[in-house]
């Protein structure tokens, strides 16, 4: 995605991933204690993977069909 000039989208994805980890840790922390940290990391990883897949699909679709780009 960096080659396609999507560095801002990657930065937003990184911020989204960290925010997911923090929110999951705040929610799960009081319930699970220190076990919430790896679970929060897994939730952030999953959210980041889904987000990256959506962005990559949009980038590739724009590349194939430039007239459909929004």
Protein backbone atom coordinates (compact mmCIF):
# COMPACT_ATOMS: atom_id res chain seq x y z
CA UNK A 1 0.00 0.00 0.00
CA UNK A 2 2.95 2.33 0.50
CA UNK A 3 3.81 1.95 -3.17
CA UNK A 4 0.27 3.07 -4.04
CA UNK A 5 0.65 6.24 -1.95
CA UNK A 6 -1.55 5.01 0.86
CA UNK A 7 0.72 5.98 3.76
CA UNK A 8 -2.04 8.05 5.40
CA UNK A 9 -4.38 5.06 5.26
CA UNK A 10 -1.71 2.90 6.88
CA UNK A 11 -1.21 5.48 9.64
CA UNK A 12 -4.95 5.57 10.29
CA UNK A 13 -4.93 1.77 10.47
CA UNK A 14 -2.10 1.80 13.00
CA UNK A 15 -3.95 4.34 15.16
CA UNK A 16 -7.13 2.25 14.84
CA UNK A 17 -5.25 -0.87 15.96
CA UNK A 18 -3.78 0.85 19.03
CA UNK A 19 -7.18 2.33 19.91
CA UNK A 20 -8.79 -1.12 19.68
CA UNK A 21 -6.14 -2.56 21.98
CA UNK A 22 -6.59 0.21 24.54
CA UNK A 23 -10.39 0.01 24.51
CA UNK A 24 -10.35 -3.78 24.79
CA UNK A 25 -7.85 -3.59 27.65
CA UNK A 26 -9.93 -0.98 29.50
CA UNK A 27 -13.07 -3.08 29.11
CA UNK A 28 -11.51 -6.48 29.84
CA UNK A 29 -8.92 -5.34 32.40
CA UNK A 30 -11.22 -5.15 35.43
CA UNK A 31 -12.76 -8.53 34.59
CA UNK A 32 -9.70 -10.57 33.58
CA UNK A 33 -6.79 -8.73 35.21
CA UNK A 34 -3.43 -9.30 33.54
CA UNK A 35 -4.91 -11.94 31.21
CA UNK A 36 -6.68 -9.10 29.38
CA UNK A 37 -3.43 -7.91 27.76
CA UNK A 38 -2.94 -10.81 25.29
CA UNK A 39 -6.67 -10.95 24.58
CA UNK A 40 -6.68 -7.21 23.85
CA UNK A 41 -3.70 -7.66 21.55
CA UNK A 42 -5.52 -10.44 19.68
CA UNK A 43 -8.63 -8.28 19.31
CA UNK A 44 -6.51 -5.40 17.98
CA UNK A 45 -4.72 -7.74 15.57
CA UNK A 46 -8.03 -9.07 14.25
CA UNK A 47 -9.51 -5.58 13.83
CA UNK A 48 -6.34 -4.40 12.10
CA UNK A 49 -6.33 -7.39 9.74
CA UNK A 50 -9.96 -6.79 8.76
CA UNK A 51 -9.34 -3.08 8.23
CA UNK A 52 -6.22 -3.73 6.15
CA UNK A 53 -8.07 -6.24 3.98
CA UNK A 54 -10.86 -3.74 3.31
CA UNK A 55 -8.38 -0.95 2.44
CA UNK A 56 -6.29 -3.23 0.24
CA UNK A 57 -9.38 -4.39 -1.64
CA UNK A 58 -10.42 -0.77 -2.21
CA UNK A 59 -6.92 0.13 -3.41
CA UNK A 60 -6.78 -2.78 -5.83
CA UNK A 61 -10.28 -2.05 -7.09
CA UNK A 62 -9.32 1.58 -7.75
CA UNK A 63 -6.27 0.36 -9.62
CA UNK A 64 -8.33 -1.96 -11.85
CA UNK A 65 -11.27 0.37 -12.42
CA UNK A 66 -10.04 3.99 -12.20
CA UNK A 67 -13.35 5.45 -13.35
CA UNK A 68 -15.13 3.93 -10.32
CA UNK A 69 -12.80 5.55 -7.80
CA UNK A 70 -14.54 7.73 -5.28
